[in-house]
Amino acid sequence: MVNKPVVVIPNLNGGKELLDAIASLMKQTVEARVIVVDNGSTDNSARAAQEMFPDISIIWHKKNLGFAGGVNAGIRKTLEDNTKFVAVFNDDAVADPHWLERLMVFLETNSTYGAANPKAIEGNTEKLDSIGDVMTNWGLSYPRGRGEKDTGQYDQLTDIFAASGAASLFRVAALKEVGLFDEDFFAYYEDVDLGFRLQLAGWKVGFVPSAKVFHAIGMTS
């Protein structure tokens, strides 16, 4: 497939969950290149992934560079290619088979959007993890819908402030313009900071409810 999208997974002792995450990406209706960035794991999870999925690429770090440092290493590998879209994906997430396709279709048909956020559901529950980050008028960010039972109350395409780092898709042209995740944040709020920069540069961020992932909250922490 020409110009495949790229999915970058930062990994720190991801164990079986990393294998499950990659397996879900191999079942996508759109073929993607998968890059695992290993942040100094001690559980041999990245090597196990390499053996099980020999077509993936792995970037090895000797120490934990955090979420931001991990995904940036993978994203930088794509910037000189003709890649149009790059996704970041947590090592404790599992994607619905249509996750990537539906995010791509949204960005392909909405040229003013720099990122697309799926509906993330908490593990195997009916509770929402996040449907994008929003800002309060106090200047505080929080994950929209977290902890609410998913009854379809958010099943409309809508604009959001920032795309969550758990499983969102980004337009490479937008990242080239505003820069990657700020590694000073290490982990948490780096996605909100990127949302600020996208918004200030005129890029919109969309929530795509038909794209779904299942996310085990807290494993990254």
C-alpha atoms as a PDB file:
ATOM      1  CA  MET A   1       0.000   0.000   0.000  1.00  0.00           C
ATOM      2  CA  VAL A   2       1.464   3.341  -1.051  1.00  0.00           C
ATOM      3  CA  ASN A   3       1.726   6.004   1.626  1.00  0.00           C
ATOM      4  CA  LYS A   4       0.554   3.801   4.482  1.00  0.00           C
ATOM      5  CA  PRO A   5      -0.465   5.522   7.691  1.00  0.00           C
ATOM      6  CA  VAL A   6       1.845   4.932  10.637  1.00  0.00           C
ATOM      7  CA  VAL A   7       0.858   3.900  14.163  1.00  0.00           C
ATOM      8  CA  VAL A   8       3.380   4.615  16.920  1.00  0.00           C
ATOM      9  CA  ILE A   9       3.166   2.700  20.210  1.00  0.00           C
ATOM     10  CA  PRO A  10       5.330   3.763  23.165  1.00  0.00           C
ATOM     11  CA  ASN A  11       6.044   0.744  25.348  1.00  0.00           C
ATOM     12  CA  LEU A  12       7.257   0.336  28.914  1.00  0.00           C
ATOM     13  CA  ASN A  13       6.900  -3.219  30.233  1.00  0.00           C
ATOM     14  CA  GLY A  14       3.699  -3.658  28.257  1.00  0.00           C
ATOM     15  CA  GLY A  15       3.631  -7.437  28.628  1.00  0.00           C
ATOM     16  CA  LYS A  16       0.717  -9.275  27.035  1.00  0.00           C
ATOM     17  CA  GLU A  17      -1.217  -6.011  26.650  1.00  0.00           C
ATOM     18  CA  LEU A  18       1.352  -4.799  24.094  1.00  0.00           C
ATOM     19  CA  LEU A  19       0.831  -7.981  22.070  1.00  0.00           C
ATOM     20  CA  ASP A  20      -2.938  -7.515  22.221  1.00  0.00           C
ATOM     21  CA  ALA A  21      -2.568  -3.892  21.097  1.00  0.00           C
ATOM     22  CA  ILE A  22      -0.471  -4.848  18.072  1.00  0.00           C
ATOM     23  CA  ALA A  23      -2.762  -7.763  17.208  1.00  0.00           C
ATOM     24  CA  SER A  24      -5.697  -5.353  17.021  1.00  0.00           C
ATOM     25  CA  LEU A  25      -3.729  -3.128  14.646  1.00  0.00           C
ATOM     26  CA  MET A  26      -3.002  -6.086  12.385  1.00  0.00           C
ATOM     27  CA  LYS A  27      -6.768  -6.600  12.029  1.00  0.00           C
ATOM     28  CA  GLN A  28      -7.481  -3.075  10.820  1.00  0.00           C
ATOM     29  CA  THR A  29      -9.420  -2.573   7.594  1.00  0.00           C
ATOM     30  CA  VAL A  30      -6.618  -0.174   6.548  1.00  0.00           C
ATOM     31  CA  GLU A  31      -3.080  -1.504   6.488  1.00  0.00           C
ATOM     32  CA  ALA A  32      -0.613   0.526   8.539  1.00  0.00           C
ATOM     33  CA  ARG A  33       3.050   0.544   9.432  1.00  0.00           C
ATOM     34  CA  VAL A  34       3.497  -0.113  13.143  1.00  0.00           C
ATOM     35  CA  ILE A  35       6.421   1.353  15.080  1.00  0.00           C
ATOM     36  CA  VAL A  36       6.985   0.306  18.690  1.00  0.00           C
ATOM     37  CA  VAL A  37       9.216   2.604  20.722  1.00  0.00           C
ATOM     38  CA  ASP A  38      10.567   0.689  23.690  1.00  0.00           C
ATOM     39  CA  ASN A  39      11.331   2.974  26.645  1.00  0.00           C
ATOM     40  CA  GLY A  40      13.861   0.765  28.398  1.00  0.00           C
ATOM     41  CA  SER A  41      11.536  -2.128  29.237  1.00  0.00           C
ATOM     42  CA  THR A  42      12.810  -4.909  31.475  1.00  0.00           C
ATOM     43  CA  ASP A  43      10.066  -7.452  30.724  1.00  0.00           C
ATOM     44  CA  ASN A  44      11.209  -8.430  27.208  1.00  0.00           C
ATOM     45  CA  SER A  45       7.817  -7.311  25.850  1.00  0.00           C
ATOM     46  CA  ALA A  46       9.191  -5.546  22.777  1.00  0.00           C
ATOM     47  CA  ARG A  47      11.312  -8.555  21.791  1.00  0.00           C
ATOM     48  CA  ALA A  48       8.295 -10.805  22.200  1.00  0.00           C
ATOM     49  CA  ALA A  49       6.358  -8.429  19.942  1.00  0.00           C
ATOM     50  CA  GLN A  50       9.135  -8.491  17.350  1.00  0.00           C
ATOM     51  CA  GLU A  51       9.070 -12.279  17.300  1.00  0.00           C
ATOM     52  CA  MET A  52       5.283 -12.473  17.021  1.00  0.00           C
ATOM     53  CA  PHE A  53       4.942  -9.609  14.515  1.00  0.00           C
ATOM     54  CA  PRO A  54       8.137  -9.539  12.409  1.00  0.00           C
ATOM     55  CA  ASP A  55       6.841  -6.778  10.116  1.00  0.00           C
ATOM     56  CA  ILE A  56       6.748  -4.139  12.851  1.00  0.00           C
ATOM     57  CA  SER A  57       9.599  -1.695  13.435  1.00  0.00           C
ATOM     58  CA  ILE A  58      11.117  -1.166  16.856  1.00  0.00           C
ATOM     59  CA  ILE A  59      13.084   1.792  18.195  1.00  0.00           C
ATOM     60  CA  TRP A  60      15.091   0.906  21.283  1.00  0.00           C
ATOM     61  CA  HIS A  61      15.648   3.380  24.108  1.00  0.00           C
ATOM     62  CA  LYS A  62      17.951   2.548  27.021  1.00  0.00           C
ATOM     63  CA  LYS A  63      15.860   4.573  29.447  1.00  0.00           C
ATOM     64  CA  ASN A  64      12.283   5.754  29.823  1.00  0.00           C
ATOM     65  CA  LEU A  65      11.816   8.948  27.803  1.00  0.00           C
ATOM     66  CA  GLY A  66       8.152   9.188  28.745  1.00  0.00           C
ATOM     67  CA  PHE A  67       5.133   9.179  26.479  1.00  0.00           C
ATOM     68  CA  ALA A  68       6.214  12.337  24.651  1.00  0.00           C
ATOM     69  CA  GLY A  69       9.808  11.233  24.086  1.00  0.00           C
ATOM     70  CA  GLY A  70       8.653   7.790  23.042  1.00  0.00           C
ATOM     71  CA  VAL A  71       6.087   8.758  20.449  1.00  0.00           C
ATOM     72  CA  ASN A  72       8.218  11.598  19.088  1.00  0.00           C
ATOM     73  CA  ALA A  73      10.963   9.134  18.183  1.00  0.00           C
ATOM     74  CA  GLY A  74       8.479   7.158  16.128  1.00  0.00           C
ATOM     75  CA  ILE A  75       6.862  10.196  14.549  1.00  0.00           C
ATOM     76  CA  ARG A  76      10.238  11.597  13.458  1.00  0.00           C
ATOM     77  CA  LYS A  77      10.800   8.444  11.399  1.00  0.00           C
ATOM     78  CA  THR A  78       7.732   9.350   9.337  1.00  0.00           C
ATOM     79  CA  LEU A  79       8.363  13.054   8.729  1.00  0.00           C
ATOM     80  CA  GLU A  80      10.692  12.576   5.768  1.00  0.00           C
ATOM     81  CA  ASP A  81       8.448   9.975   4.132  1.00  0.00           C
ATOM     82  CA  ASN A  82       5.327  10.753   2.147  1.00  0.00           C
ATOM     83  CA  THR A  83       3.215   9.658   5.091  1.00  0.00           C
ATOM     84  CA  LYS A  84       0.101  11.810   5.454  1.00  0.00           C
ATOM     85  CA  PHE A  85      -1.197  10.473   8.754  1.00  0.00           C
ATOM     86  CA  VAL A  86       0.386   9.180  11.948  1.00  0.00           C
ATOM     87  CA  ALA A  87      -1.454   7.768  14.943  1.00  0.00           C
ATOM     88  CA  VAL A  88      -0.290   7.447  18.521  1.00  0.00           C
ATOM     89  CA  PHE A  89      -1.546   4.368  20.340  1.00  0.00           C
ATOM     90  CA  ASN A  90      -1.117   3.281  23.947  1.00  0.00           C
ATOM     91  CA  ASP A  91       0.310  -0.144  24.699  1.00  0.00           C
ATOM     92  CA  ASP A  92      -2.763  -0.893  26.821  1.00  0.00           C
ATOM     93  CA  ALA A  93      -5.337  -0.123  24.123  1.00  0.00           C
ATOM     94  CA  VAL A  94      -7.177  -2.422  21.708  1.00  0.00           C
ATOM     95  CA  ALA A  95      -8.682  -1.016  18.528  1.00  0.00           C
ATOM     96  CA  ASP A  96     -11.935  -1.900  16.807  1.00  0.00           C
ATOM     97  CA  PRO A  97     -11.100  -3.130  13.274  1.00  0.00           C
ATOM     98  CA  HIS A  98     -12.521   0.062  11.703  1.00  0.00           C
ATOM     99  CA  TRP A  99     -10.750   2.472  14.116  1.00  0.00           C
ATOM    100  CA  LEU A 100      -8.011   3.660  11.769  1.00  0.00           C
ATOM    101  CA  GLU A 101     -10.103   3.708   8.597  1.00  0.00           C
ATOM    102  CA  ARG A 102     -12.789   5.905  10.126  1.00  0.00           C
ATOM    103  CA  LEU A 103     -10.285   8.402  11.524  1.00  0.00           C
ATOM    104  CA  MET A 104      -8.513   8.538   8.147  1.00  0.00           C
ATOM    105  CA  VAL A 105     -11.732   9.072   6.201  1.00  0.00           C
ATOM    106  CA  PHE A 106     -12.580  11.960   8.511  1.00  0.00           C
ATOM    107  CA  LEU A 107      -9.220  13.688   7.989  1.00  0.00           C
ATOM    108  CA  GLU A 108      -9.216  12.956   4.250  1.00  0.00           C
ATOM    109  CA  THR A 109     -12.584  14.662   3.840  1.00  0.00           C
ATOM    110  CA  ASN A 110     -11.978  17.535   6.285  1.00  0.00           C
ATOM    111  CA  SER A 111      -8.817  19.323   5.210  1.00  0.00           C
ATOM    112  CA  THR A 112      -8.904  21.959   7.964  1.00  0.00           C
ATOM    113  CA  TYR A 113      -8.587  19.347  10.724  1.00  0.00           C
ATOM    114  CA  GLY A 114      -5.166  18.473  12.095  1.00  0.00           C
ATOM    115  CA  ALA A 115      -6.233  15.602  14.343  1.00  0.00           C
ATOM    116  CA  ALA A 116      -9.068  13.149  14.940  1.00  0.00           C
ATOM    117  CA  ASN A 117      -9.982  11.526  18.252  1.00  0.00           C
ATOM    118  CA  PRO A 118     -11.935   8.243  18.548  1.00  0.00           C
ATOM    119  CA  LYS A 119     -14.397   7.099  21.191  1.00  0.00           C
ATOM    120  CA  ALA A 120     -12.288   5.424  23.879  1.00  0.00           C
ATOM    121  CA  ILE A 121     -14.114   2.997  26.155  1.00  0.00           C
ATOM    122  CA  GLU A 122     -12.727   1.911  29.519  1.00  0.00           C
ATOM    123  CA  GLY A 123     -11.518  -1.663  29.094  1.00  0.00           C
ATOM    124  CA  ASN A 124     -14.375  -4.121  28.664  1.00  0.00           C
ATOM    125  CA  THR A 125     -16.898  -1.921  30.463  1.00  0.00           C
ATOM    126  CA  GLU A 126     -19.653   0.339  29.172  1.00  0.00           C
ATOM    127  CA  LYS A 127     -17.943   3.396  30.657  1.00  0.00           C
ATOM    128  CA  LEU A 128     -16.253   6.058  28.576  1.00  0.00           C
ATOM    129  CA  ASP A 129     -12.549   6.667  29.002  1.00  0.00           C
ATOM    130  CA  SER A 130     -12.239   9.774  26.847  1.00  0.00           C
ATOM    131  CA  ILE A 131     -13.840  11.353  23.832  1.00  0.00           C
ATOM    132  CA  GLY A 132     -11.274  14.098  23.540  1.00  0.00           C
ATOM    133  CA  ASP A 133      -9.892  16.767  25.826  1.00  0.00           C
ATOM    134  CA  VAL A 134     -11.762  19.980  26.573  1.00  0.00           C
ATOM    135  CA  MET A 135     -10.809  23.187  28.385  1.00  0.00           C
ATOM    136  CA  THR A 136     -12.845  24.844  31.111  1.00  0.00           C
ATOM    137  CA  ASN A 137     -13.094  28.616  31.419  1.00  0.00           C
ATOM    138  CA  TRP A 138     -10.795  28.226  34.449  1.00  0.00           C
ATOM    139  CA  GLY A 139      -8.024  27.072  32.129  1.00  0.00           C
ATOM    140  CA  LEU A 140      -8.210  23.444  33.254  1.00  0.00           C
ATOM    141  CA  SER A 141      -8.297  20.502  30.863  1.00  0.00           C
ATOM    142  CA  TYR A 142     -10.126  17.235  31.397  1.00  0.00           C
ATOM    143  CA  PRO A 143     -11.137  14.144  29.357  1.00  0.00           C
ATOM    144  CA  ARG A 144     -14.650  14.683  28.048  1.00  0.00           C
ATOM    145  CA  GLY A 145     -17.156  12.064  29.176  1.00  0.00           C
ATOM    146  CA  ARG A 146     -14.785  10.099  31.427  1.00  0.00           C
ATOM    147  CA  GLY A 147     -16.579   7.680  33.729  1.00  0.00           C
ATOM    148  CA  GLU A 148     -19.979   8.142  32.097  1.00  0.00           C
ATOM    149  CA  LYS A 149     -21.917   5.130  30.856  1.00  0.00           C
ATOM    150  CA  ASP A 150     -21.889   5.110  27.068  1.00  0.00           C
ATOM    151  CA  THR A 151     -25.526   5.430  26.034  1.00  0.00           C
ATOM    152  CA  GLY A 152     -24.864   7.164  22.732  1.00  0.00           C
ATOM    153  CA  GLN A 153     -25.014  10.628  24.262  1.00  0.00           C
ATOM    154  CA  TYR A 154     -21.823  11.636  22.460  1.00  0.00           C
ATOM    155  CA  ASP A 155     -22.427   9.885  19.139  1.00  0.00           C
ATOM    156  CA  GLN A 156     -22.192  13.022  17.004  1.00  0.00           C
ATOM    157  CA  LEU A 157     -19.233  14.335  15.043  1.00  0.00           C
ATOM    158  CA  THR A 158     -18.073  17.424  16.863  1.00  0.00           C
ATOM    159  CA  ASP A 159     -15.092  19.707  17.372  1.00  0.00           C
ATOM    160  CA  ILE A 160     -12.996  19.244  20.518  1.00  0.00           C
ATOM    161  CA  PHE A 161     -10.071  21.161  21.948  1.00  0.00           C
ATOM    162  CA  ALA A 162      -7.375  18.479  21.855  1.00  0.00           C
ATOM    163  CA  ALA A 163      -6.962  14.869  20.781  1.00  0.00           C
ATOM    164  CA  SER A 164      -6.084  12.359  23.483  1.00  0.00           C
ATOM    165  CA  GLY A 165      -2.717  10.655  23.191  1.00  0.00           C
ATOM    166  CA  ALA A 166      -4.289   7.250  23.799  1.00  0.00           C
ATOM    167  CA  ALA A 167      -5.349   6.458  20.221  1.00  0.00           C
ATOM    168  CA  SER A 168      -5.693   9.547  18.023  1.00  0.00           C
ATOM    169  CA  LEU A 169      -4.710  10.226  14.421  1.00  0.00           C
ATOM    170  CA  PHE A 170      -2.729  13.309  13.362  1.00  0.00           C
ATOM    171  CA  ARG A 171      -2.166  14.974  10.011  1.00  0.00           C
ATOM    172  CA  VAL A 172       1.591  15.008   9.397  1.00  0.00           C
ATOM    173  CA  ALA A 173       1.401  18.396   7.634  1.00  0.00           C
ATOM    174  CA  ALA A 174      -0.090  19.882  10.806  1.00  0.00           C
ATOM    175  CA  LEU A 175       2.643  18.371  12.973  1.00  0.00           C
ATOM    176  CA  LYS A 176       5.303  19.726  10.631  1.00  0.00           C
ATOM    177  CA  GLU A 177       3.801  23.170  11.098  1.00  0.00           C
ATOM    178  CA  VAL A 178       3.314  23.234  14.882  1.00  0.00           C
ATOM    179  CA  GLY A 179       5.878  20.699  16.086  1.00  0.00           C
ATOM    180  CA  LEU A 180       5.630  17.389  17.922  1.00  0.00           C
ATOM    181  CA  PHE A 181       4.756  16.620  21.531  1.00  0.00           C
ATOM    182  CA  ASP A 182       6.651  18.796  24.014  1.00  0.00           C
ATOM    183  CA  GLU A 183       8.984  16.398  25.828  1.00  0.00           C
ATOM    184  CA  ASP A 184       9.163  18.671  28.884  1.00  0.00           C
ATOM    185  CA  PHE A 185       5.763  17.234  29.828  1.00  0.00           C
ATOM    186  CA  PHE A 186       7.175  13.660  29.801  1.00  0.00           C
ATOM    187  CA  ALA A 187       3.716  12.110  30.290  1.00  0.00           C
ATOM    188  CA  TYR A 188       0.288  13.772  30.634  1.00  0.00           C
ATOM    189  CA  TYR A 189      -0.815  17.148  29.289  1.00  0.00           C
ATOM    190  CA  GLU A 190       1.520  16.844  26.297  1.00  0.00           C
ATOM    191  CA  ASP A 191      -1.575  16.115  24.179  1.00  0.00           C
ATOM    192  CA  VAL A 192      -3.399  19.178  25.546  1.00  0.00           C
ATOM    193  CA  ASP A 193      -0.343  21.332  24.827  1.00  0.00           C
ATOM    194  CA  LEU A 194      -0.303  20.056  21.246  1.00  0.00           C
ATOM    195  CA  GLY A 195      -4.012  20.886  21.028  1.00  0.00           C
ATOM    196  CA  PHE A 196      -3.224  24.471  22.028  1.00  0.00           C
ATOM    197  CA  ARG A 197      -0.635  24.773  19.260  1.00  0.00           C
ATOM    198  CA  LEU A 198      -2.902  23.230  16.637  1.00  0.00           C
ATOM    199  CA  GLN A 199      -5.751  25.573  17.571  1.00  0.00           C
ATOM    200  CA  LEU A 200      -3.503  28.643  17.564  1.00  0.00           C
ATOM    201  CA  ALA A 201      -2.249  27.706  14.095  1.00  0.00           C
ATOM    202  CA  GLY A 202      -5.818  27.424  12.775  1.00  0.00           C
ATOM    203  CA  TRP A 203      -6.123  23.626  12.742  1.00  0.00           C
ATOM    204  CA  LYS A 204      -9.306  22.044  14.070  1.00  0.00           C
ATOM    205  CA  VAL A 205      -9.543  18.822  16.083  1.00  0.00           C
ATOM    206  CA  GLY A 206     -12.478  16.466  15.564  1.00  0.00           C
ATOM    207  CA  PHE A 207     -14.179  13.749  17.589  1.00  0.00           C
ATOM    208  CA  VAL A 208     -15.184  10.745  15.457  1.00  0.00           C
ATOM    209  CA  PRO A 209     -17.563   8.535  17.489  1.00  0.00           C
ATOM    210  CA  SER A 210     -17.707   5.706  14.950  1.00  0.00           C
ATOM    211  CA  ALA A 211     -13.986   5.034  15.513  1.00  0.00           C
ATOM    212  CA  LYS A 212     -13.631   3.020  18.725  1.00  0.00           C
ATOM    213  CA  VAL A 213     -10.870   1.777  20.990  1.00  0.00           C
ATOM    214  CA  PHE A 214     -10.874  -0.007  24.335  1.00  0.00           C
ATOM    215  CA  HIS A 215      -8.373   1.415  26.782  1.00  0.00           C
ATOM    216  CA  ALA A 216      -7.155   0.057  30.125  1.00  0.00           C
ATOM    217  CA  ILE A 217      -6.876   3.322  32.045  1.00  0.00           C
ATOM    218  CA  GLY A 218      -3.828   3.724  34.270  1.00  0.00           C
ATOM    219  CA  MET A 219      -1.495   1.043  32.933  1.00  0.00           C
ATOM    220  CA  THR A 220       0.777   3.688  31.428  1.00  0.00           C
ATOM    221  CA  SER A 221       1.089   5.370  34.811  1.00  0.00           C
END
